Structure formats: C-alpha cells, structure tokens
N, C-alpha and C. Protein backbone atom coordinates (compact mmCIF):
# COMPACT_ATOMS: atom_id res chain seq x y z
N UNK A 1 17.20 13.74 4.33
CA UNK A 1 16.98 13.07 5.56
C UNK A 1 15.81 12.38 5.11
N UNK A 2 16.03 11.16 5.45
CA UNK A 2 15.16 9.74 4.70
C UNK A 2 13.70 10.11 5.49
N UNK A 3 12.67 9.94 4.77
CA UNK A 3 11.63 9.91 5.14
C UNK A 3 11.00 8.61 6.00
N UNK A 4 10.15 8.42 6.83
CA UNK A 4 9.88 7.47 7.66
C UNK A 4 9.07 6.25 6.70
N UNK A 5 9.45 5.13 7.27
CA UNK A 5 8.49 4.22 6.76
C UNK A 5 6.96 4.58 7.16
N UNK A 6 5.89 4.69 6.22
CA UNK A 6 4.62 4.56 6.83
C UNK A 6 3.57 2.98 6.72
N UNK A 7 3.01 3.02 7.86
CA UNK A 7 2.12 1.68 7.91
C UNK A 7 0.89 1.77 7.84
N UNK A 8 -0.04 1.08 7.34
CA UNK A 8 -1.37 1.02 7.23
C UNK A 8 -2.10 -0.53 7.40
N UNK A 9 -2.97 -0.40 8.55
CA UNK A 9 -3.25 -1.82 8.97
C UNK A 9 -4.58 -1.86 9.46
N UNK A 10 -5.22 -3.16 8.84
CA UNK A 10 -6.50 -3.53 8.97
C UNK A 10 -6.28 -4.77 9.98
N UNK A 11 -7.58 -5.53 10.17
CA UNK A 11 -7.36 -7.02 10.78
C UNK A 11 -6.87 -7.99 9.78
N UNK A 12 -7.07 -7.78 8.35
CA UNK A 12 -6.40 -8.68 7.51
C UNK A 12 -5.08 -8.34 6.55
N UNK A 13 -4.61 -7.04 6.56
CA UNK A 13 -3.06 -7.02 5.80
C UNK A 13 -2.63 -5.80 6.24
N UNK A 14 -1.26 -5.74 6.52
CA UNK A 14 -0.58 -4.39 6.86
C UNK A 14 -0.10 -3.94 4.96
N UNK A 15 -0.21 -2.97 5.09
CA UNK A 15 -0.02 -2.12 4.10
C UNK A 15 1.69 -1.24 4.15
N UNK A 16 2.75 -1.19 3.75
CA UNK A 16 3.45 -0.10 3.94
C UNK A 16 4.14 0.20 3.06
N UNK A 17 4.46 1.72 3.07
CA UNK A 17 5.23 2.85 2.37
C UNK A 17 6.20 3.27 2.30
N UNK A 18 7.38 3.26 1.69
CA UNK A 18 8.61 3.91 1.59
C UNK A 18 8.83 4.70 0.82
N UNK A 19 8.59 6.07 1.29
CA UNK A 19 8.59 7.25 0.18
C UNK A 19 9.78 7.21 -0.42
N UNK A 20 11.32 6.61 0.12
CA UNK A 20 12.11 7.13 -0.70
C UNK A 20 12.59 6.52 -2.06
N UNK A 21 11.68 5.44 -2.10
CA UNK A 21 11.59 4.40 -3.44
C UNK A 21 10.57 4.99 -4.29
N UNK A 22 9.44 5.55 -3.99
CA UNK A 22 8.47 5.88 -4.70
C UNK A 22 8.61 6.51 -6.12
N UNK A 23 8.60 5.93 -7.20
CA UNK A 23 8.86 6.78 -8.40
C UNK A 23 7.85 7.81 -8.63
N UNK A 24 6.27 7.86 -7.87
CA UNK A 24 5.46 8.59 -8.33
C UNK A 24 4.95 8.12 -9.80
N UNK A 25 4.50 7.07 -10.10
CA UNK A 25 4.09 6.57 -11.17
C UNK A 25 2.26 6.42 -11.19
N UNK A 26 2.07 6.76 -9.61
CA UNK A 26 0.58 6.79 -9.75
C UNK A 26 -0.26 5.48 -10.12
N UNK A 27 0.35 4.26 -10.35
CA UNK A 27 -0.41 2.92 -10.54
C UNK A 27 -1.47 2.92 -9.20
N UNK A 28 -0.75 3.12 -8.31
CA UNK A 28 -1.86 2.69 -6.85
C UNK A 28 -3.17 3.39 -7.15
N UNK A 29 -3.15 4.89 -7.30
CA UNK A 29 -3.90 5.60 -7.39
C UNK A 29 -5.02 5.12 -8.76
N UNK A 30 -4.37 4.80 -9.74
CA UNK A 30 -5.41 4.81 -10.85
C UNK A 30 -5.78 3.55 -10.94
N UNK A 31 -5.52 2.54 -9.99
CA UNK A 31 -5.91 0.88 -9.66
C UNK A 31 -7.17 0.82 -8.78
N UNK A 32 -6.99 1.23 -7.36
CA UNK A 32 -7.69 1.55 -6.41
C UNK A 32 -7.85 3.03 -5.85
N UNK A 33 -8.33 3.96 -6.29
CA UNK A 33 -8.67 4.86 -6.06
C UNK A 33 -9.22 5.45 -4.70
N UNK A 34 -9.84 4.49 -4.26
CA UNK A 34 -10.61 4.77 -3.11
C UNK A 34 -9.82 4.18 -1.96
N UNK A 35 -9.06 3.30 -2.10
CA UNK A 35 -8.18 3.10 -1.25
C UNK A 35 -6.70 3.80 -0.97
N UNK A 36 -6.46 4.64 -2.43
CA UNK A 36 -5.01 4.95 -2.37
C UNK A 36 -5.26 6.57 -2.69
N UNK A 37 -5.46 7.51 -2.04
CA UNK A 37 -5.73 8.77 -2.26
C UNK A 37 -4.99 10.02 -1.57
N UNK A 38 -4.18 10.48 -2.39
CA UNK A 38 -2.95 11.36 -1.76
C UNK A 38 -3.69 12.74 -1.22
N UNK A 39 -5.02 12.71 -1.55
CA UNK A 39 -5.62 14.41 -0.70
C UNK A 39 -6.01 14.04 0.34
N UNK A 40 -5.95 12.96 0.87
CA UNK A 40 -6.07 12.47 2.22
C UNK A 40 -4.89 12.51 3.01
N UNK A 41 -5.22 12.82 4.24
CA UNK A 41 -3.91 12.84 5.34
C UNK A 41 -3.29 11.53 5.32
N UNK A 42 -4.12 10.62 6.01
CA UNK A 42 -4.18 9.15 5.74
C UNK A 42 -4.52 8.57 4.29
N UNK A 43 -3.17 8.83 3.45
CA UNK A 43 -3.69 8.57 2.02
C UNK A 43 -3.89 7.15 1.60
N UNK A 44 -3.46 5.77 2.56
CA UNK A 44 -3.46 4.69 2.26
C UNK A 44 -5.16 4.04 3.30
N UNK A 45 -5.83 3.70 2.67
CA UNK A 45 -6.97 3.14 3.77
C UNK A 45 -7.11 1.82 3.15
N UNK A 46 -6.53 0.55 3.54
CA UNK A 46 -6.78 -0.55 3.20
C UNK A 46 -8.22 -1.12 3.22
N UNK A 47 -8.56 -0.65 4.56
CA UNK A 47 -10.25 -0.83 4.80
C UNK A 47 -11.39 -0.63 3.46
N UNK A 48 -10.84 0.17 3.02
CA UNK A 48 -11.86 0.43 1.91
C UNK A 48 -12.05 -0.72 0.60
N UNK A 49 -11.30 -1.64 0.67
CA UNK A 49 -11.36 -3.01 -0.37
C UNK A 49 -10.73 -4.13 0.40
N UNK A 50 -10.99 -5.25 -0.27
CA UNK A 50 -10.79 -6.41 0.32
C UNK A 50 -9.45 -6.54 0.47
N UNK A 51 -8.82 -7.37 1.35
CA UNK A 51 -7.26 -7.51 1.44
C UNK A 51 -6.76 -8.05 0.20
N UNK A 52 -7.61 -9.14 -0.40
CA UNK A 52 -7.05 -9.42 -1.87
C UNK A 52 -6.91 -8.52 -2.89
N UNK A 53 -7.80 -7.64 -2.78
CA UNK A 53 -7.83 -6.40 -3.74
C UNK A 53 -6.46 -5.56 -3.53
N UNK A 54 -6.13 -5.00 -2.48
CA UNK A 54 -5.19 -4.54 -1.60
C UNK A 54 -3.85 -4.79 -2.19
N UNK A 55 -3.90 -6.24 -1.93
CA UNK A 55 -2.39 -7.19 -2.07
C UNK A 55 -2.37 -6.86 -3.67
N UNK A 56 -2.91 -7.49 -4.32
CA UNK A 56 -2.95 -7.32 -6.04
C UNK A 56 -2.84 -5.77 -6.62
N UNK A 57 -3.25 -4.72 -5.96
CA UNK A 57 -2.90 -3.62 -6.73
C UNK A 57 -1.33 -3.13 -5.97
N UNK A 58 -0.94 -3.52 -4.48
CA UNK A 58 -0.05 -3.31 -3.90
C UNK A 58 1.35 -3.96 -4.84
N UNK A 59 0.97 -5.44 -5.54
CA UNK A 59 1.91 -5.80 -6.40
C UNK A 59 2.29 -5.27 -7.55
N UNK A 60 1.20 -4.14 -7.91
CA UNK A 60 1.45 -3.67 -9.40
C UNK A 60 2.54 -2.23 -9.03
N UNK A 61 2.86 -2.14 -7.95
CA UNK A 61 3.90 -1.03 -7.48
C UNK A 61 5.21 -1.06 -8.42
N UNK A 62 5.53 -0.24 -9.34
CA UNK A 62 6.51 -0.45 -10.07
C UNK A 62 8.00 -0.36 -9.05
N UNK A 63 8.15 0.41 -8.39
CA UNK A 63 9.19 0.74 -7.91
C UNK A 63 9.43 0.01 -6.46
N UNK A 64 8.46 -0.63 -5.81
CA UNK A 64 8.72 -1.45 -4.66
C UNK A 64 8.53 -0.79 -3.37
N UNK A 65 7.62 0.42 -3.47
CA UNK A 65 7.93 1.60 -2.58
C UNK A 65 6.55 0.64 -1.48
N UNK A 66 5.35 0.25 -2.24
CA UNK A 66 4.44 -0.74 -1.36
C UNK A 66 4.62 -2.01 -1.33
N UNK A 67 4.45 -2.41 -0.03
CA UNK A 67 4.56 -3.84 0.21
C UNK A 67 3.11 -4.24 1.36
N UNK A 68 3.50 -5.49 1.25
CA UNK A 68 2.05 -5.71 2.21
C UNK A 68 2.35 -7.35 3.13
N UNK A 69 1.66 -7.24 4.11
CA UNK A 69 1.73 -8.89 4.55
C UNK A 69 0.58 -8.89 4.95
N UNK A 70 0.05 -10.06 4.53
CA UNK A 70 -1.65 -10.52 5.14
C UNK A 70 -1.11 -10.94 6.61
N UNK A 71 -2.09 -10.87 7.28
CA UNK A 71 -2.10 -11.40 8.51
C UNK A 71 -2.08 -12.76 8.89
N UNK A 72 -3.13 -13.59 8.04
CA UNK A 72 -3.61 -14.85 7.79
C UNK A 72 -2.43 -15.88 7.31
N UNK A 73 -1.95 -15.34 6.77
CA UNK A 73 -0.78 -16.32 5.93
C UNK A 73 0.65 -16.09 6.49
N UNK A 74 0.78 -14.62 6.79
CA UNK A 74 2.28 -14.03 7.35
C UNK A 74 3.10 -14.13 6.05
N UNK A 75 2.83 -14.09 5.15
CA UNK A 75 3.97 -14.28 4.00
C UNK A 75 3.95 -12.83 3.34
N UNK A 76 5.07 -11.89 3.29
CA UNK A 76 5.27 -10.81 2.81
C UNK A 76 5.74 -11.00 1.45
N UNK A 77 5.22 -9.82 0.54
CA UNK A 77 5.33 -10.00 -0.86
C UNK A 77 6.73 -8.52 -0.92
N UNK A 78 7.22 -8.48 -1.70
CA UNK A 78 8.41 -7.55 -1.65
C UNK A 78 8.18 -7.20 -3.06
C-alpha cells in the first residue's frame, strides 16, 4: 500500500514529501539538519529556516520526493 503524501506548511512555503519516491540518500538531513530530522514525529519543520534556505535544500533532493511551493510566487518546483 502506498504511503500518503506528507505536507508541511509555514506562512511562506509549503513542503511536500512523497515517501514512495524517497531513495534515503539523506541529502536533506545533511543540508539542513535543524529542518529535516527523522528523529522527530513531525520530521520536516520548515519554520526553522528561511523559505529560501528550505527551497534550496529541497531542490537538492536527488529522488524528487521533496517538493515545495512558495506562497508568495505560487511557483512549484519539481
């Protein structure tokens, strides 16, 4: 059974995580460990960095499991 899409939101950015695509490369964890921390139940906390920092880290996701949409520009990055 596929795992559901996870959504994490602040006033500036929405981050989504699609578990079925994740390759577990840990690029997100290494780049912004305060935002991406699998030891927490709510493992993505985009409010702990600027929307630009979070977006830049999400863009480094090699599998495409992480995506974002900035609320100000409404432009989704795939």
